[in-house]
Amino acid sequence: MHRLNDARDHALGLFRIVLGFLFACHGAKTIFGILGAKAPAAFGTWPGWWAALIQLVGGVLVLLGVGTRIAALISSGSMAFAYFTVHVENGLWPINNGGEAAAMFCWTFLLIAVAGPGRFALGTVLTARSQGQRSQPSTTAGQH
């Protein structure tokens, strides 16, 4: 076994946290007009405001590790949509059309959707806690 195999889940968890944070920052920038934005996007405008909502919510869910696979899959799809509807008009290759971030987010979220959340995922803790409570007999059963 390779030495780095033992660190795989930890590295995947840290990768997921950083990826989710960066994606959520993009959404917060657009929705709230912060982090260097000139102004927030107008509420409900298509596709910008809705894409930013996916970025914010999807990024936070992936960062926390809650509903990670589905949030990552939706985030990946939104970036594929952005790439093919916004960036391809300026050329096929990401280096020429300004779509590097969209392409990278698309493929990295797809990786998270397939590989799972790794370590440090809140969803794993919540699932383990709820399963532990169901499998243990109630200490107050039969006592009134």
C-alpha atoms as a PDB file:
ATOM      1  CA  MET A   1       0.000   0.000   0.000  1.00  0.00           C
ATOM      2  CA  HIS A   2       1.210   3.469  -0.833  1.00  0.00           C
ATOM      3  CA  ARG A   3       1.866   5.798   2.116  1.00  0.00           C
ATOM      4  CA  LEU A   4      -0.439   8.491   0.777  1.00  0.00           C
ATOM      5  CA  ASN A   5      -3.444   6.143   0.701  1.00  0.00           C
ATOM      6  CA  ASP A   6      -3.907   6.662   4.441  1.00  0.00           C
ATOM      7  CA  ALA A   7      -4.336  10.408   3.858  1.00  0.00           C
ATOM      8  CA  ARG A   8      -6.823  10.082   0.978  1.00  0.00           C
ATOM      9  CA  ASP A   9     -10.025  10.738   2.968  1.00  0.00           C
ATOM     10  CA  HIS A  10      -8.447  13.609   4.878  1.00  0.00           C
ATOM     11  CA  ALA A  11      -7.164  15.247   1.691  1.00  0.00           C
ATOM     12  CA  LEU A  12     -10.540  14.753   0.000  1.00  0.00           C
ATOM     13  CA  GLY A  13     -12.293  16.334   2.983  1.00  0.00           C
ATOM     14  CA  LEU A  14      -9.973  19.349   2.987  1.00  0.00           C
ATOM     15  CA  PHE A  15     -10.329  19.675  -0.787  1.00  0.00           C
ATOM     16  CA  ARG A  16     -14.138  19.626  -0.440  1.00  0.00           C
ATOM     17  CA  ILE A  17     -14.036  22.331   2.253  1.00  0.00           C
ATOM     18  CA  VAL A  18     -11.842  24.676   0.200  1.00  0.00           C
ATOM     19  CA  LEU A  19     -13.844  24.049  -2.975  1.00  0.00           C
ATOM     20  CA  GLY A  20     -17.133  24.732  -1.214  1.00  0.00           C
ATOM     21  CA  PHE A  21     -15.775  27.913   0.369  1.00  0.00           C
ATOM     22  CA  LEU A  22     -14.505  29.296  -2.947  1.00  0.00           C
ATOM     23  CA  PHE A  23     -17.782  28.481  -4.701  1.00  0.00           C
ATOM     24  CA  ALA A  24     -19.863  30.039  -1.917  1.00  0.00           C
ATOM     25  CA  CYS A  25     -17.741  33.200  -2.161  1.00  0.00           C
ATOM     26  CA  HIS A  26     -18.691  33.536  -5.845  1.00  0.00           C
ATOM     27  CA  GLY A  27     -22.364  33.261  -4.950  1.00  0.00           C
ATOM     28  CA  ALA A  28     -22.119  35.704  -2.033  1.00  0.00           C
ATOM     29  CA  LYS A  29     -20.309  38.207  -4.236  1.00  0.00           C
ATOM     30  CA  THR A  30     -23.092  38.192  -6.809  1.00  0.00           C
ATOM     31  CA  ILE A  31     -26.099  38.008  -4.494  1.00  0.00           C
ATOM     32  CA  PHE A  32     -24.952  40.433  -1.800  1.00  0.00           C
ATOM     33  CA  GLY A  33     -22.629  42.673  -3.827  1.00  0.00           C
ATOM     34  CA  ILE A  34     -19.661  41.986  -1.522  1.00  0.00           C
ATOM     35  CA  LEU A  35     -16.087  40.747  -1.947  1.00  0.00           C
ATOM     36  CA  GLY A  36     -15.261  43.265  -4.651  1.00  0.00           C
ATOM     37  CA  ALA A  37     -18.559  43.297  -6.531  1.00  0.00           C
ATOM     38  CA  LYS A  38     -19.734  46.663  -7.810  1.00  0.00           C
ATOM     39  CA  ALA A  39     -23.352  45.886  -6.906  1.00  0.00           C
ATOM     40  CA  PRO A  40     -25.547  42.882  -6.129  1.00  0.00           C
ATOM     41  CA  ALA A  41     -27.394  41.167  -8.938  1.00  0.00           C
ATOM     42  CA  ALA A  42     -31.045  42.113  -9.275  1.00  0.00           C
ATOM     43  CA  PHE A  43     -33.230  39.646  -7.375  1.00  0.00           C
ATOM     44  CA  GLY A  44     -34.455  36.748  -9.487  1.00  0.00           C
ATOM     45  CA  THR A  45     -32.723  37.710 -12.748  1.00  0.00           C
ATOM     46  CA  TRP A  46     -31.941  34.845 -15.104  1.00  0.00           C
ATOM     47  CA  PRO A  47     -29.390  33.351 -15.194  1.00  0.00           C
ATOM     48  CA  GLY A  48     -27.029  35.413 -13.010  1.00  0.00           C
ATOM     49  CA  TRP A  49     -28.948  35.624  -9.742  1.00  0.00           C
ATOM     50  CA  TRP A  50     -30.086  31.989  -9.923  1.00  0.00           C
ATOM     51  CA  ALA A  51     -26.572  30.790 -10.745  1.00  0.00           C
ATOM     52  CA  ALA A  52     -25.295  32.772  -7.762  1.00  0.00           C
ATOM     53  CA  LEU A  53     -27.919  31.159  -5.533  1.00  0.00           C
ATOM     54  CA  ILE A  54     -26.725  27.711  -6.646  1.00  0.00           C
ATOM     55  CA  GLN A  55     -23.150  28.821  -5.971  1.00  0.00           C
ATOM     56  CA  LEU A  56     -23.942  30.111  -2.489  1.00  0.00           C
ATOM     57  CA  VAL A  57     -26.175  27.263  -1.316  1.00  0.00           C
ATOM     58  CA  GLY A  58     -24.249  24.525  -3.125  1.00  0.00           C
ATOM     59  CA  GLY A  59     -20.942  25.891  -1.883  1.00  0.00           C
ATOM     60  CA  VAL A  60     -22.104  26.017   1.738  1.00  0.00           C
ATOM     61  CA  LEU A  61     -23.569  22.499   1.568  1.00  0.00           C
ATOM     62  CA  VAL A  62     -20.381  21.095   0.030  1.00  0.00           C
ATOM     63  CA  LEU A  63     -18.219  23.003   2.515  1.00  0.00           C
ATOM     64  CA  LEU A  64     -20.196  21.581   5.452  1.00  0.00           C
ATOM     65  CA  GLY A  65     -20.469  18.131   3.911  1.00  0.00           C
ATOM     66  CA  VAL A  66     -24.270  18.020   4.094  1.00  0.00           C
ATOM     67  CA  GLY A  67     -26.016  16.527   1.066  1.00  0.00           C
ATOM     68  CA  THR A  68     -22.594  16.651  -0.510  1.00  0.00           C
ATOM     69  CA  ARG A  69     -23.062  14.394  -3.518  1.00  0.00           C
ATOM     70  CA  ILE A  70     -26.301  15.958  -4.769  1.00  0.00           C
ATOM     71  CA  ALA A  71     -25.094  19.515  -4.037  1.00  0.00           C
ATOM     72  CA  ALA A  72     -21.851  18.796  -5.901  1.00  0.00           C
ATOM     73  CA  LEU A  73     -23.724  17.273  -8.840  1.00  0.00           C
ATOM     74  CA  ILE A  74     -26.042  20.291  -9.150  1.00  0.00           C
ATOM     75  CA  SER A  75     -23.062  22.658  -8.792  1.00  0.00           C
ATOM     76  CA  SER A  76     -21.162  20.744 -11.470  1.00  0.00           C
ATOM     77  CA  GLY A  77     -24.131  20.920 -13.829  1.00  0.00           C
ATOM     78  CA  SER A  78     -24.561  24.646 -13.257  1.00  0.00           C
ATOM     79  CA  MET A  79     -20.934  25.224 -14.192  1.00  0.00           C
ATOM     80  CA  ALA A  80     -21.269  23.087 -17.316  1.00  0.00           C
ATOM     81  CA  PHE A  81     -24.346  25.143 -18.224  1.00  0.00           C
ATOM     82  CA  ALA A  82     -22.406  28.376 -17.613  1.00  0.00           C
ATOM     83  CA  TYR A  83     -19.506  27.172 -19.719  1.00  0.00           C
ATOM     84  CA  PHE A  84     -21.608  26.176 -22.717  1.00  0.00           C
ATOM     85  CA  THR A  85     -24.034  29.106 -22.610  1.00  0.00           C
ATOM     86  CA  VAL A  86     -21.697  31.963 -21.691  1.00  0.00           C
ATOM     87  CA  HIS A  87     -18.077  31.088 -22.431  1.00  0.00           C
ATOM     88  CA  VAL A  88     -18.226  28.967 -25.598  1.00  0.00           C
ATOM     89  CA  GLU A  89     -19.537  31.995 -27.518  1.00  0.00           C
ATOM     90  CA  ASN A  90     -16.001  33.412 -27.200  1.00  0.00           C
ATOM     91  CA  GLY A  91     -14.249  30.245 -28.404  1.00  0.00           C
ATOM     92  CA  LEU A  92     -14.106  26.550 -27.545  1.00  0.00           C
ATOM     93  CA  TRP A  93     -11.003  26.484 -25.357  1.00  0.00           C
ATOM     94  CA  PRO A  94     -11.227  27.732 -21.746  1.00  0.00           C
ATOM     95  CA  ILE A  95      -7.889  29.529 -22.027  1.00  0.00           C
ATOM     96  CA  ASN A  96      -9.330  31.659 -24.848  1.00  0.00           C
ATOM     97  CA  ASN A  97     -12.907  32.153 -23.657  1.00  0.00           C
ATOM     98  CA  GLY A  98     -12.416  33.011 -19.976  1.00  0.00           C
ATOM     99  CA  GLY A  99     -14.109  29.824 -18.835  1.00  0.00           C
ATOM    100  CA  GLU A 100     -11.271  28.287 -16.822  1.00  0.00           C
ATOM    101  CA  ALA A 101     -13.066  28.741 -13.493  1.00  0.00           C
ATOM    102  CA  ALA A 102     -16.322  27.305 -14.846  1.00  0.00           C
ATOM    103  CA  ALA A 103     -14.499  24.290 -16.310  1.00  0.00           C
ATOM    104  CA  MET A 104     -12.481  23.670 -13.137  1.00  0.00           C
ATOM    105  CA  PHE A 105     -15.513  23.994 -10.863  1.00  0.00           C
ATOM    106  CA  CYS A 106     -17.512  21.705 -13.166  1.00  0.00           C
ATOM    107  CA  TRP A 107     -14.951  18.900 -13.087  1.00  0.00           C
ATOM    108  CA  THR A 108     -13.973  19.252  -9.429  1.00  0.00           C
ATOM    109  CA  PHE A 109     -17.597  19.150  -8.283  1.00  0.00           C
ATOM    110  CA  LEU A 110     -18.129  16.099 -10.472  1.00  0.00           C
ATOM    111  CA  LEU A 111     -15.173  14.487  -8.693  1.00  0.00           C
ATOM    112  CA  ILE A 112     -16.722  15.240  -5.290  1.00  0.00           C
ATOM    113  CA  ALA A 113     -20.097  13.896  -6.453  1.00  0.00           C
ATOM    114  CA  VAL A 114     -18.454  10.607  -7.449  1.00  0.00           C
ATOM    115  CA  ALA A 115     -15.833  10.278  -4.685  1.00  0.00           C
ATOM    116  CA  GLY A 116     -17.982  11.493  -1.804  1.00  0.00           C
ATOM    117  CA  PRO A 117     -17.264  13.997   0.949  1.00  0.00           C
ATOM    118  CA  GLY A 118     -14.187  12.450   2.549  1.00  0.00           C
ATOM    119  CA  ARG A 119     -13.442  13.342   6.181  1.00  0.00           C
ATOM    120  CA  PHE A 120     -14.786  16.212   8.251  1.00  0.00           C
ATOM    121  CA  ALA A 121     -18.289  16.041   6.729  1.00  0.00           C
ATOM    122  CA  LEU A 122     -21.087  17.196   8.994  1.00  0.00           C
ATOM    123  CA  GLY A 123     -23.527  14.952   7.117  1.00  0.00           C
ATOM    124  CA  THR A 124     -21.530  11.878   8.155  1.00  0.00           C
ATOM    125  CA  VAL A 125     -21.691  12.917  11.805  1.00  0.00           C
ATOM    126  CA  LEU A 126     -25.423  13.613  11.627  1.00  0.00           C
ATOM    127  CA  THR A 127     -26.135  10.297   9.893  1.00  0.00           C
ATOM    128  CA  ALA A 128     -24.056   8.335  12.415  1.00  0.00           C
ATOM    129  CA  ARG A 129     -25.754  10.100  15.320  1.00  0.00           C
ATOM    130  CA  SER A 130     -29.279   9.429  14.004  1.00  0.00           C
ATOM    131  CA  GLN A 131     -28.469   5.773  13.272  1.00  0.00           C
ATOM    132  CA  GLY A 132     -26.960   5.370  16.729  1.00  0.00           C
ATOM    133  CA  GLN A 133     -30.090   6.722  18.369  1.00  0.00           C
ATOM    134  CA  ARG A 134     -32.357   4.370  16.387  1.00  0.00           C
ATOM    135  CA  SER A 135     -30.317   1.243  17.067  1.00  0.00           C
ATOM    136  CA  GLN A 136     -30.012   1.741  20.850  1.00  0.00           C
ATOM    137  CA  PRO A 137     -32.929   0.608  22.981  1.00  0.00           C
ATOM    138  CA  SER A 138     -34.715   3.366  24.822  1.00  0.00           C
ATOM    139  CA  THR A 139     -33.751   3.550  28.493  1.00  0.00           C
ATOM    140  CA  THR A 140     -37.169   4.915  29.424  1.00  0.00           C
ATOM    141  CA  ALA A 141     -39.192   2.215  27.647  1.00  0.00           C
ATOM    142  CA  GLY A 142     -41.704   0.694  30.002  1.00  0.00           C
ATOM    143  CA  GLN A 143     -41.040   3.294  32.711  1.00  0.00           C
ATOM    144  CA  HIS A 144     -43.883   5.674  33.542  1.00  0.00           C
END
